[in-house]
Amino acid sequence: MAFLKRGPNRDRSKEESARLQRAHLDNIGRLAEEGKLVMAGPFFASPEDDLRGIYIFDVDSIEEARALTETDPAIQAGSLVMELKKWYGSAALKLMLPLSKMVTKKDI
């Protein structure tokens, strides 16, 4: 599991922030399509809260999870940082991937 936290480099124009967010979401979609990312989502927190969201990976090691987090453009840009923790959850989570395509918002 990765906890996405506010990174040190957040001083961007509105347009740059929007482009970075789009790239971040596209990367999430790619990882989900590859079957590596089982669940992702933001926390509904106050703007000053450092905890922004989570990723739940289906990987064999924390090193593999770290390598995947490093593909995130928001991580690369320093807008987000990730704290990785080993976590074990229900195998049924993987069954959610095909179902989530039916109910996911189209405009994210």
PDB file of N, CA and C in Angstrom:
ATOM      1  N   MET A   1       0.858  -1.163   0.000  1.00  0.00           N
ATOM      2  CA  MET A   1       0.000   0.000   0.000  1.00  0.00           C
ATOM      3  C   MET A   1       0.905   1.228   0.000  1.00  0.00           C
ATOM      4  N   ALA A   2       0.514   2.200  -0.771  1.00  0.00           N
ATOM      5  CA  ALA A   2       1.256   3.461  -0.811  1.00  0.00           C
ATOM      6  C   ALA A   2       0.355   4.579  -0.315  1.00  0.00           C
ATOM      7  N   PHE A   3       0.866   5.338   0.618  1.00  0.00           N
ATOM      8  CA  PHE A   3       0.185   6.543   1.072  1.00  0.00           C
ATOM      9  C   PHE A   3       0.765   7.714   0.296  1.00  0.00           C
ATOM     10  N   LEU A   4      -0.072   8.392  -0.482  1.00  0.00           N
ATOM     11  CA  LEU A   4       0.365   9.556  -1.248  1.00  0.00           C
ATOM     12  C   LEU A   4       0.270  10.771  -0.343  1.00  0.00           C
ATOM     13  N   LYS A   5       1.392  11.478  -0.238  1.00  0.00           N
ATOM     14  CA  LYS A   5       1.440  12.652   0.623  1.00  0.00           C
ATOM     15  C   LYS A   5       1.890  13.866  -0.181  1.00  0.00           C
ATOM     16  N   ARG A   6       1.529  15.010   0.341  1.00  0.00           N
ATOM     17  CA  ARG A   6       1.914  16.271  -0.291  1.00  0.00           C
ATOM     18  C   ARG A   6       3.435  16.317  -0.395  1.00  0.00           C
ATOM     19  N   GLY A   7       3.925  16.626  -1.602  1.00  0.00           N
ATOM     20  CA  GLY A   7       5.362  16.724  -1.835  1.00  0.00           C
ATOM     21  C   GLY A   7       5.846  18.157  -1.698  1.00  0.00           C
ATOM     22  N   PRO A   8       7.156  18.365  -1.794  1.00  0.00           N
ATOM     23  CA  PRO A   8       7.738  19.693  -1.589  1.00  0.00           C
ATOM     24  C   PRO A   8       7.561  20.645  -2.780  1.00  0.00           C
ATOM     25  N   ASN A   9       7.300  20.120  -3.970  1.00  0.00           N
ATOM     26  CA  ASN A   9       7.234  20.952  -5.181  1.00  0.00           C
ATOM     27  C   ASN A   9       5.795  21.107  -5.650  1.00  0.00           C
ATOM     28  N   ARG A  10       5.086  22.054  -5.073  1.00  0.00           N
ATOM     29  CA  ARG A  10       3.673  22.231  -5.414  1.00  0.00           C
ATOM     30  C   ARG A  10       3.377  23.624  -5.968  1.00  0.00           C
ATOM     31  N   ASP A  11       4.394  24.408  -6.190  1.00  0.00           N
ATOM     32  CA  ASP A  11       4.204  25.778  -6.664  1.00  0.00           C
ATOM     33  C   ASP A  11       4.170  25.791  -8.195  1.00  0.00           C
ATOM     34  N   ARG A  12       2.970  25.577  -8.749  1.00  0.00           N
ATOM     35  CA  ARG A  12       2.788  25.521 -10.197  1.00  0.00           C
ATOM     36  C   ARG A  12       1.597  26.373 -10.592  1.00  0.00           C
ATOM     37  N   SER A  13       1.590  26.769 -11.853  1.00  0.00           N
ATOM     38  CA  SER A  13       0.424  27.485 -12.364  1.00  0.00           C
ATOM     39  C   SER A  13      -0.758  26.524 -12.404  1.00  0.00           C
ATOM     40  N   LYS A  14      -1.952  27.087 -12.532  1.00  0.00           N
ATOM     41  CA  LYS A  14      -3.167  26.271 -12.614  1.00  0.00           C
ATOM     42  C   LYS A  14      -3.090  25.321 -13.805  1.00  0.00           C
ATOM     43  N   GLU A  15      -2.566  25.804 -14.918  1.00  0.00           N
ATOM     44  CA  GLU A  15      -2.455  24.992 -16.132  1.00  0.00           C
ATOM     45  C   GLU A  15      -1.452  23.856 -15.946  1.00  0.00           C
ATOM     46  N   GLU A  16      -0.301  24.172 -15.346  1.00  0.00           N
ATOM     47  CA  GLU A  16       0.705  23.133 -15.098  1.00  0.00           C
ATOM     48  C   GLU A  16       0.163  22.074 -14.133  1.00  0.00           C
ATOM     49  N   SER A  17      -0.535  22.519 -13.110  1.00  0.00           N
ATOM     50  CA  SER A  17      -1.128  21.587 -12.145  1.00  0.00           C
ATOM     51  C   SER A  17      -2.143  20.669 -12.823  1.00  0.00           C
ATOM     52  N   ALA A  18      -2.933  21.226 -13.717  1.00  0.00           N
ATOM     53  CA  ALA A  18      -3.934  20.427 -14.431  1.00  0.00           C
ATOM     54  C   ALA A  18      -3.257  19.393 -15.331  1.00  0.00           C
ATOM     55  N   ARG A  19      -2.202  19.774 -16.018  1.00  0.00           N
ATOM     56  CA  ARG A  19      -1.473  18.827 -16.881  1.00  0.00           C
ATOM     57  C   ARG A  19      -0.848  17.704 -16.040  1.00  0.00           C
ATOM     58  N   LEU A  20      -0.268  18.080 -14.908  1.00  0.00           N
ATOM     59  CA  LEU A  20       0.358  17.088 -14.044  1.00  0.00           C
ATOM     60  C   LEU A  20      -0.691  16.134 -13.470  1.00  0.00           C
ATOM     61  N   GLN A  21      -1.832  16.665 -13.073  1.00  0.00           N
ATOM     62  CA  GLN A  21      -2.911  15.822 -12.550  1.00  0.00           C
ATOM     63  C   GLN A  21      -3.409  14.845 -13.623  1.00  0.00           C
ATOM     64  N   ARG A  22      -3.547  15.324 -14.860  1.00  0.00           N
ATOM     65  CA  ARG A  22      -3.980  14.455 -15.958  1.00  0.00           C
ATOM     66  C   ARG A  22      -2.968  13.329 -16.158  1.00  0.00           C
ATOM     67  N   ALA A  23      -1.680  13.649 -16.143  1.00  0.00           N
ATOM     68  CA  ALA A  23      -0.637  12.635 -16.316  1.00  0.00           C
ATOM     69  C   ALA A  23      -0.652  11.641 -15.152  1.00  0.00           C
ATOM     70  N   HIS A  24      -0.894  12.136 -13.955  1.00  0.00           N
ATOM     71  CA  HIS A  24      -1.001  11.295 -12.757  1.00  0.00           C
ATOM     72  C   HIS A  24      -2.169  10.313 -12.920  1.00  0.00           C
ATOM     73  N   LEU A  25      -3.324  10.809 -13.338  1.00  0.00           N
ATOM     74  CA  LEU A  25      -4.498   9.949 -13.532  1.00  0.00           C
ATOM     75  C   LEU A  25      -4.290   8.948 -14.670  1.00  0.00           C
ATOM     76  N   ASP A  26      -3.638   9.384 -15.742  1.00  0.00           N
ATOM     77  CA  ASP A  26      -3.345   8.473 -16.852  1.00  0.00           C
ATOM     78  C   ASP A  26      -2.428   7.334 -16.398  1.00  0.00           C
ATOM     79  N   ASN A  27      -1.456   7.668 -15.549  1.00  0.00           N
ATOM     80  CA  ASN A  27      -0.554   6.644 -15.021  1.00  0.00           C
ATOM     81  C   ASN A  27      -1.317   5.659 -14.144  1.00  0.00           C
ATOM     82  N   ILE A  28      -2.241   6.156 -13.338  1.00  0.00           N
ATOM     83  CA  ILE A  28      -3.079   5.281 -12.525  1.00  0.00           C
ATOM     84  C   ILE A  28      -3.844   4.309 -13.430  1.00  0.00           C
ATOM     85  N   GLY A  29      -4.425   4.828 -14.499  1.00  0.00           N
ATOM     86  CA  GLY A  29      -5.157   3.991 -15.444  1.00  0.00           C
ATOM     87  C   GLY A  29      -4.284   2.930 -16.077  1.00  0.00           C
ATOM     88  N   ARG A  30      -3.076   3.309 -16.436  1.00  0.00           N
ATOM     89  CA  ARG A  30      -2.141   2.362 -17.050  1.00  0.00           C
ATOM     90  C   ARG A  30      -1.787   1.244 -16.072  1.00  0.00           C
ATOM     91  N   LEU A  31      -1.470   1.609 -14.835  1.00  0.00           N
ATOM     92  CA  LEU A  31      -1.115   0.598 -13.833  1.00  0.00           C
ATOM     93  C   LEU A  31      -2.286  -0.340 -13.544  1.00  0.00           C
ATOM     94  N   ALA A  32      -3.499   0.201 -13.550  1.00  0.00           N
ATOM     95  CA  ALA A  32      -4.691  -0.634 -13.348  1.00  0.00           C
ATOM     96  C   ALA A  32      -4.879  -1.587 -14.519  1.00  0.00           C
ATOM     97  N   GLU A  33      -4.704  -1.077 -15.742  1.00  0.00           N
ATOM     98  CA  GLU A  33      -4.837  -1.928 -16.934  1.00  0.00           C
ATOM     99  C   GLU A  33      -3.825  -3.064 -16.914  1.00  0.00           C
ATOM    100  N   GLU A  34      -2.635  -2.790 -16.401  1.00  0.00           N
ATOM    101  CA  GLU A  34      -1.590  -3.816 -16.304  1.00  0.00           C
ATOM    102  C   GLU A  34      -1.855  -4.801 -15.171  1.00  0.00           C
ATOM    103  N   GLY A  35      -2.853  -4.519 -14.340  1.00  0.00           N
ATOM    104  CA  GLY A  35      -3.175  -5.398 -13.228  1.00  0.00           C
ATOM    105  C   GLY A  35      -2.273  -5.237 -12.025  1.00  0.00           C
ATOM    106  N   LYS A  36      -1.459  -4.201 -12.015  1.00  0.00           N
ATOM    107  CA  LYS A  36      -0.544  -3.960 -10.895  1.00  0.00           C
ATOM    108  C   LYS A  36      -1.184  -3.103  -9.801  1.00  0.00           C
ATOM    109  N   LEU A  37      -2.108  -2.241 -10.184  1.00  0.00           N
ATOM    110  CA  LEU A  37      -2.768  -1.357  -9.229  1.00  0.00           C
ATOM    111  C   LEU A  37      -4.197  -1.836  -9.051  1.00  0.00           C
ATOM    112  N   VAL A  38      -4.530  -2.254  -7.846  1.00  0.00           N
ATOM    113  CA  VAL A  38      -5.839  -2.817  -7.566  1.00  0.00           C
ATOM    114  C   VAL A  38      -6.834  -1.730  -7.182  1.00  0.00           C
ATOM    115  N   MET A  39      -6.347  -0.733  -6.469  1.00  0.00           N
ATOM    116  CA  MET A  39      -7.235   0.330  -6.014  1.00  0.00           C
ATOM    117  C   MET A  39      -6.419   1.604  -5.822  1.00  0.00           C
ATOM    118  N   ALA A  40      -7.049   2.734  -6.115  1.00  0.00           N
ATOM    119  CA  ALA A  40      -6.420   4.028  -5.895  1.00  0.00           C
ATOM    120  C   ALA A  40      -7.514   5.040  -5.630  1.00  0.00           C
ATOM    121  N   GLY A  41      -7.173   6.040  -4.869  1.00  0.00           N
ATOM    122  CA  GLY A  41      -8.160   7.084  -4.647  1.00  0.00           C
ATOM    123  C   GLY A  41      -7.682   8.150  -3.685  1.00  0.00           C
ATOM    124  N   PRO A  42      -8.304   9.313  -3.796  1.00  0.00           N
ATOM    125  CA  PRO A  42      -7.934  10.433  -2.927  1.00  0.00           C
ATOM    126  C   PRO A  42      -8.666  10.371  -1.595  1.00  0.00           C
ATOM    127  N   PHE A  43      -8.111  11.052  -0.620  1.00  0.00           N
ATOM    128  CA  PHE A  43      -8.804  11.285   0.640  1.00  0.00           C
ATOM    129  C   PHE A  43      -9.503  12.630   0.545  1.00  0.00           C
ATOM    130  N   PHE A  44     -10.658  12.737   1.146  1.00  0.00           N
ATOM    131  CA  PHE A  44     -11.376  14.001   1.200  1.00  0.00           C
ATOM    132  C   PHE A  44     -10.929  14.721   2.461  1.00  0.00           C
ATOM    133  N   ALA A  45      -9.805  15.376   2.346  1.00  0.00           N
ATOM    134  CA  ALA A  45      -9.185  16.034   3.493  1.00  0.00           C
ATOM    135  C   ALA A  45      -9.126  17.535   3.257  1.00  0.00           C
ATOM    136  N   SER A  46      -8.796  18.231   4.297  1.00  0.00           N
ATOM    137  CA  SER A  46      -8.629  19.673   4.170  1.00  0.00           C
ATOM    138  C   SER A  46      -7.387  19.963   3.333  1.00  0.00           C
ATOM    139  N   PRO A  47      -7.338  21.124   2.666  1.00  0.00           N
ATOM    140  CA  PRO A  47      -6.195  21.447   1.803  1.00  0.00           C
ATOM    141  C   PRO A  47      -4.846  21.413   2.517  1.00  0.00           C
ATOM    142  N   GLU A  48      -4.828  21.669   3.816  1.00  0.00           N
ATOM    143  CA  GLU A  48      -3.550  21.663   4.531  1.00  0.00           C
ATOM    144  C   GLU A  48      -3.125  20.277   5.015  1.00  0.00           C
ATOM    145  N   ASP A  49      -3.980  19.281   4.851  1.00  0.00           N
ATOM    146  CA  ASP A  49      -3.653  17.913   5.239  1.00  0.00           C
ATOM    147  C   ASP A  49      -2.629  17.350   4.256  1.00  0.00           C
ATOM    148  N   ASP A  50      -1.564  16.760   4.763  1.00  0.00           N
ATOM    149  CA  ASP A  50      -0.515  16.215   3.899  1.00  0.00           C
ATOM    150  C   ASP A  50      -0.897  14.896   3.239  1.00  0.00           C
ATOM    151  N   LEU A  51      -1.787  14.128   3.836  1.00  0.00           N
ATOM    152  CA  LEU A  51      -2.187  12.847   3.273  1.00  0.00           C
ATOM    153  C   LEU A  51      -3.206  13.072   2.162  1.00  0.00           C
ATOM    154  N   ARG A  52      -2.849  12.689   0.935  1.00  0.00           N
ATOM    155  CA  ARG A  52      -3.663  13.006  -0.232  1.00  0.00           C
ATOM    156  C   ARG A  52      -4.438  11.818  -0.788  1.00  0.00           C
ATOM    157  N   GLY A  53      -3.869  10.584  -0.709  1.00  0.00           N
ATOM    158  CA  GLY A  53      -4.559   9.434  -1.268  1.00  0.00           C
ATOM    159  C   GLY A  53      -3.801   8.149  -1.022  1.00  0.00           C
ATOM    160  N   ILE A  54      -4.298   7.050  -1.628  1.00  0.00           N
ATOM    161  CA  ILE A  54      -3.648   5.746  -1.490  1.00  0.00           C
ATOM    162  C   ILE A  54      -3.588   5.028  -2.836  1.00  0.00           C
ATOM    163  N   TYR A  55      -2.637   4.123  -2.917  1.00  0.00           N
ATOM    164  CA  TYR A  55      -2.553   3.117  -3.965  1.00  0.00           C
ATOM    165  C   TYR A  55      -2.504   1.772  -3.252  1.00  0.00           C
ATOM    166  N   ILE A  56      -3.209   0.784  -3.775  1.00  0.00           N
ATOM    167  CA  ILE A  56      -3.067  -0.590  -3.312  1.00  0.00           C
ATOM    168  C   ILE A  56      -2.591  -1.404  -4.514  1.00  0.00           C
ATOM    169  N   PHE A  57      -1.397  -1.945  -4.379  1.00  0.00           N
ATOM    170  CA  PHE A  57      -0.758  -2.687  -5.465  1.00  0.00           C
ATOM    171  C   PHE A  57      -0.941  -4.190  -5.304  1.00  0.00           C
ATOM    172  N   ASP A  58      -0.883  -4.904  -6.409  1.00  0.00           N
ATOM    173  CA  ASP A  58      -0.798  -6.357  -6.426  1.00  0.00           C
ATOM    174  C   ASP A  58       0.596  -6.697  -6.929  1.00  0.00           C
ATOM    175  N   VAL A  59       1.551  -6.739  -6.003  1.00  0.00           N
ATOM    176  CA  VAL A  59       2.957  -6.983  -6.344  1.00  0.00           C
ATOM    177  C   VAL A  59       3.547  -7.963  -5.330  1.00  0.00           C
ATOM    178  N   ASP A  60       4.724  -8.462  -5.641  1.00  0.00           N
ATOM    179  CA  ASP A  60       5.383  -9.442  -4.787  1.00  0.00           C
ATOM    180  C   ASP A  60       6.338  -8.826  -3.769  1.00  0.00           C
ATOM    181  N   SER A  61       6.698  -7.551  -3.961  1.00  0.00           N
ATOM    182  CA  SER A  61       7.673  -6.955  -3.044  1.00  0.00           C
ATOM    183  C   SER A  61       7.473  -5.449  -2.941  1.00  0.00           C
ATOM    184  N   ILE A  62       7.988  -4.904  -1.873  1.00  0.00           N
ATOM    185  CA  ILE A  62       7.928  -3.459  -1.697  1.00  0.00           C
ATOM    186  C   ILE A  62       8.822  -2.767  -2.728  1.00  0.00           C
ATOM    187  N   GLU A  63       9.863  -3.455  -3.171  1.00  0.00           N
ATOM    188  CA  GLU A  63      10.742  -2.894  -4.210  1.00  0.00           C
ATOM    189  C   GLU A  63       9.984  -2.738  -5.529  1.00  0.00           C
ATOM    190  N   GLU A  64       9.151  -3.724  -5.858  1.00  0.00           N
ATOM    191  CA  GLU A  64       8.338  -3.610  -7.073  1.00  0.00           C
ATOM    192  C   GLU A  64       7.333  -2.471  -6.943  1.00  0.00           C
ATOM    193  N   ALA A  65       6.732  -2.335  -5.772  1.00  0.00           N
ATOM    194  CA  ALA A  65       5.807  -1.219  -5.539  1.00  0.00           C
ATOM    195  C   ALA A  65       6.539   0.118  -5.668  1.00  0.00           C
ATOM    196  N   ARG A  66       7.754   0.189  -5.138  1.00  0.00           N
ATOM    197  CA  ARG A  66       8.542   1.432  -5.234  1.00  0.00           C
ATOM    198  C   ARG A  66       8.823   1.772  -6.700  1.00  0.00           C
ATOM    199  N   ALA A  67       9.194   0.768  -7.476  1.00  0.00           N
ATOM    200  CA  ALA A  67       9.466   1.002  -8.900  1.00  0.00           C
ATOM    201  C   ALA A  67       8.214   1.514  -9.613  1.00  0.00           C
ATOM    202  N   LEU A  68       7.054   0.980  -9.259  1.00  0.00           N
ATOM    203  CA  LEU A  68       5.810   1.441  -9.878  1.00  0.00           C
ATOM    204  C   LEU A  68       5.473   2.866  -9.460  1.00  0.00           C
ATOM    205  N   THR A  69       5.683   3.198  -8.198  1.00  0.00           N
ATOM    206  CA  THR A  69       5.384   4.564  -7.757  1.00  0.00           C
ATOM    207  C   THR A  69       6.278   5.563  -8.469  1.00  0.00           C
ATOM    208  N   GLU A  70       7.472   5.151  -8.808  1.00  0.00           N
ATOM    209  CA  GLU A  70       8.409   6.050  -9.481  1.00  0.00           C
ATOM    210  C   GLU A  70       8.009   6.350 -10.919  1.00  0.00           C
ATOM    211  N   THR A  71       7.012   5.625 -11.463  1.00  0.00           N
ATOM    212  CA  THR A  71       6.509   5.942 -12.804  1.00  0.00           C
ATOM    213  C   THR A  71       5.464   7.056 -12.767  1.00  0.00           C
ATOM    214  N   ASP A  72       5.030   7.442 -11.579  1.00  0.00           N
ATOM    215  CA  ASP A  72       3.980   8.457 -11.442  1.00  0.00           C
ATOM    216  C   ASP A  72       4.568   9.850 -11.702  1.00  0.00           C
ATOM    217  N   PRO A  73       4.034  10.565 -12.693  1.00  0.00           N
ATOM    218  CA  PRO A  73       4.548  11.906 -12.994  1.00  0.00           C
ATOM    219  C   PRO A  73       4.486  12.867 -11.800  1.00  0.00           C
ATOM    220  N   ALA A  74       3.489  12.710 -10.932  1.00  0.00           N
ATOM    221  CA  ALA A  74       3.395  13.590  -9.762  1.00  0.00           C
ATOM    222  C   ALA A  74       4.509  13.296  -8.757  1.00  0.00           C
ATOM    223  N   ILE A  75       4.935  12.041  -8.689  1.00  0.00           N
ATOM    224  CA  ILE A  75       6.079  11.674  -7.850  1.00  0.00           C
ATOM    225  C   ILE A  75       7.353  12.229  -8.479  1.00  0.00           C
ATOM    226  N   GLN A  76       7.495  12.025  -9.774  1.00  0.00           N
ATOM    227  CA  GLN A  76       8.682  12.512 -10.480  1.00  0.00           C
ATOM    228  C   GLN A  76       8.837  14.019 -10.349  1.00  0.00           C
ATOM    229  N   ALA A  77       7.722  14.741 -10.344  1.00  0.00           N
ATOM    230  CA  ALA A  77       7.757  16.204 -10.261  1.00  0.00           C
ATOM    231  C   ALA A  77       7.882  16.705  -8.818  1.00  0.00           C
ATOM    232  N   GLY A  78       7.769  15.803  -7.845  1.00  0.00           N
ATOM    233  CA  GLY A  78       7.861  16.210  -6.454  1.00  0.00           C
ATOM    234  C   GLY A  78       6.587  16.819  -5.901  1.00  0.00           C
ATOM    235  N   SER A  79       5.504  16.717  -6.655  1.00  0.00           N
ATOM    236  CA  SER A  79       4.221  17.213  -6.176  1.00  0.00           C
ATOM    237  C   SER A  79       3.655  16.284  -5.108  1.00  0.00           C
ATOM    238  N   LEU A  80       3.962  14.995  -5.244  1.00  0.00           N
ATOM    239  CA  LEU A  80       3.573  13.988  -4.263  1.00  0.00           C
ATOM    240  C   LEU A  80       4.794  13.188  -3.857  1.00  0.00           C
ATOM    241  N   VAL A  81       4.753  12.656  -2.660  1.00  0.00           N
ATOM    242  CA  VAL A  81       5.721  11.669  -2.198  1.00  0.00           C
ATOM    243  C   VAL A  81       4.915  10.483  -1.689  1.00  0.00           C
ATOM    244  N   MET A  82       5.525   9.315  -1.696  1.00  0.00           N
ATOM    245  CA  MET A  82       4.804   8.130  -1.266  1.00  0.00           C
ATOM    246  C   MET A  82       5.508   7.462  -0.105  1.00  0.00           C
ATOM    247  N   GLU A  83       4.692   6.990   0.816  1.00  0.00           N
ATOM    248  CA  GLU A  83       5.163   6.168   1.919  1.00  0.00           C
ATOM    249  C   GLU A  83       4.602   4.774   1.678  1.00  0.00           C
ATOM    250  N   LEU A  84       5.488   3.814   1.499  1.00  0.00           N
ATOM    251  CA  LEU A  84       5.080   2.448   1.193  1.00  0.00           C
ATOM    252  C   LEU A  84       5.065   1.592   2.448  1.00  0.00           C
ATOM    253  N   LYS A  85       4.025   0.769   2.561  1.00  0.00           N
ATOM    254  CA  LYS A  85       3.880  -0.162   3.682  1.00  0.00           C
ATOM    255  C   LYS A  85       3.463  -1.513   3.128  1.00  0.00           C
ATOM    256  N   LYS A  86       4.053  -2.573   3.672  1.00  0.00           N
ATOM    257  CA  LYS A  86       3.579  -3.911   3.303  1.00  0.00           C
ATOM    258  C   LYS A  86       2.194  -4.076   3.899  1.00  0.00           C
ATOM    259  N   TRP A  87       1.280  -4.596   3.084  1.00  0.00           N
ATOM    260  CA  TRP A  87      -0.104  -4.758   3.505  1.00  0.00           C
ATOM    261  C   TRP A  87      -0.666  -5.985   2.825  1.00  0.00           C
ATOM    262  N   TYR A  88      -1.483  -6.720   3.532  1.00  0.00           N
ATOM    263  CA  TYR A  88      -2.145  -7.883   2.964  1.00  0.00           C
ATOM    264  C   TYR A  88      -3.645  -7.673   3.088  1.00  0.00           C
ATOM    265  N   GLY A  89      -4.323  -7.794   1.975  1.00  0.00           N
ATOM    266  CA  GLY A  89      -5.772  -7.636   1.972  1.00  0.00           C
ATOM    267  C   GLY A  89      -6.427  -8.808   1.271  1.00  0.00           C
ATOM    268  N   SER A  90      -7.698  -8.755   1.181  1.00  0.00           N
ATOM    269  CA  SER A  90      -8.478  -9.814   0.565  1.00  0.00           C
ATOM    270  C   SER A  90      -8.114  -9.988  -0.912  1.00  0.00           C
ATOM    271  N   ALA A  91      -7.989 -11.236  -1.331  1.00  0.00           N
ATOM    272  CA  ALA A  91      -7.741 -11.529  -2.746  1.00  0.00           C
ATOM    273  C   ALA A  91      -8.919 -11.088  -3.608  1.00  0.00           C
ATOM    274  N   ALA A  92     -10.073 -10.905  -2.994  1.00  0.00           N
ATOM    275  CA  ALA A  92     -11.264 -10.468  -3.730  1.00  0.00           C
ATOM    276  C   ALA A  92     -11.101  -9.052  -4.296  1.00  0.00           C
ATOM    277  N   LEU A  93     -10.169  -8.277  -3.768  1.00  0.00           N
ATOM    278  CA  LEU A  93      -9.951  -6.927  -4.308  1.00  0.00           C
ATOM    279  C   LEU A  93      -9.638  -6.966  -5.799  1.00  0.00           C
ATOM    280  N   LYS A  94      -8.901  -7.983  -6.220  1.00  0.00           N
ATOM    281  CA  LYS A  94      -8.552  -8.082  -7.642  1.00  0.00           C
ATOM    282  C   LYS A  94      -9.776  -8.284  -8.524  1.00  0.00           C
ATOM    283  N   LEU A  95     -10.843  -8.835  -7.948  1.00  0.00           N
ATOM    284  CA  LEU A  95     -12.072  -9.027  -8.712  1.00  0.00           C
ATOM    285  C   LEU A  95     -12.792  -7.714  -8.981  1.00  0.00           C
ATOM    286  N   MET A  96     -12.400  -6.674  -8.268  1.00  0.00           N
ATOM    287  CA  MET A  96     -13.028  -5.362  -8.423  1.00  0.00           C
ATOM    288  C   MET A  96     -12.615  -4.668  -9.725  1.00  0.00           C
ATOM    289  N   LEU A  97     -11.434  -4.979 -10.248  1.00  0.00           N
ATOM    290  CA  LEU A  97     -10.929  -4.270 -11.431  1.00  0.00           C
ATOM    291  C   LEU A  97     -11.898  -4.297 -12.607  1.00  0.00           C
ATOM    292  N   PRO A  98     -12.374  -5.462 -13.037  1.00  0.00           N
ATOM    293  CA  PRO A  98     -13.310  -5.456 -14.167  1.00  0.00           C
ATOM    294  C   PRO A  98     -14.625  -4.751 -13.834  1.00  0.00           C
ATOM    295  N   LEU A  99     -15.075  -4.877 -12.598  1.00  0.00           N
ATOM    296  CA  LEU A  99     -16.322  -4.235 -12.189  1.00  0.00           C
ATOM    297  C   LEU A  99     -16.185  -2.716 -12.126  1.00  0.00           C
ATOM    298  N   SER A 100     -15.008  -2.254 -11.739  1.00  0.00           N
ATOM    299  CA  SER A 100     -14.842  -0.802 -11.583  1.00  0.00           C
ATOM    300  C   SER A 100     -14.977  -0.060 -12.912  1.00  0.00           C
ATOM    301  N   LYS A 101     -14.655  -0.718 -14.004  1.00  0.00           N
ATOM    302  CA  LYS A 101     -14.799  -0.086 -15.318  1.00  0.00           C
ATOM    303  C   LYS A 101     -16.261   0.235 -15.631  1.00  0.00           C
ATOM    304  N   MET A 102     -17.167  -0.523 -15.037  1.00  0.00           N
ATOM    305  CA  MET A 102     -18.607  -0.307 -15.285  1.00  0.00           C
ATOM    306  C   MET A 102     -19.155   0.882 -14.521  1.00  0.00           C
ATOM    307  N   VAL A 103     -18.513   1.253 -13.428  1.00  0.00           N
ATOM    308  CA  VAL A 103     -19.085   2.290 -12.572  1.00  0.00           C
ATOM    309  C   VAL A 103     -18.179   3.502 -12.373  1.00  0.00           C
ATOM    310  N   THR A 104     -16.982   3.486 -12.941  1.00  0.00           N
ATOM    311  CA  THR A 104     -16.055   4.594 -12.783  1.00  0.00           C
ATOM    312  C   THR A 104     -16.549   5.822 -13.528  1.00  0.00           C
ATOM    313  N   LYS A 105     -16.324   6.991 -12.925  1.00  0.00           N
ATOM    314  CA  LYS A 105     -16.654   8.243 -13.611  1.00  0.00           C
ATOM    315  C   LYS A 105     -15.866   8.301 -14.912  1.00  0.00           C
ATOM    316  N   LYS A 106     -16.496   8.771 -15.944  1.00  0.00           N
ATOM    317  CA  LYS A 106     -15.821   8.844 -17.238  1.00  0.00           C
ATOM    318  C   LYS A 106     -14.866  10.034 -17.325  1.00  0.00           C
ATOM    319  N   ASP A 107     -15.189  11.109 -16.632  1.00  0.00           N
ATOM    320  CA  ASP A 107     -14.372  12.324 -16.693  1.00  0.00           C
ATOM    321  C   ASP A 107     -13.629  12.527 -15.393  1.00  0.00           C
ATOM    322  N   ILE A 108     -12.482  11.827 -15.267  1.00  0.00           N
ATOM    323  CA  ILE A 108     -11.668  12.048 -14.084  1.00  0.00           C
ATOM    324  C   ILE A 108     -10.371  12.712 -14.467  1.00  0.00           C
TER     325      ILE A 108
END
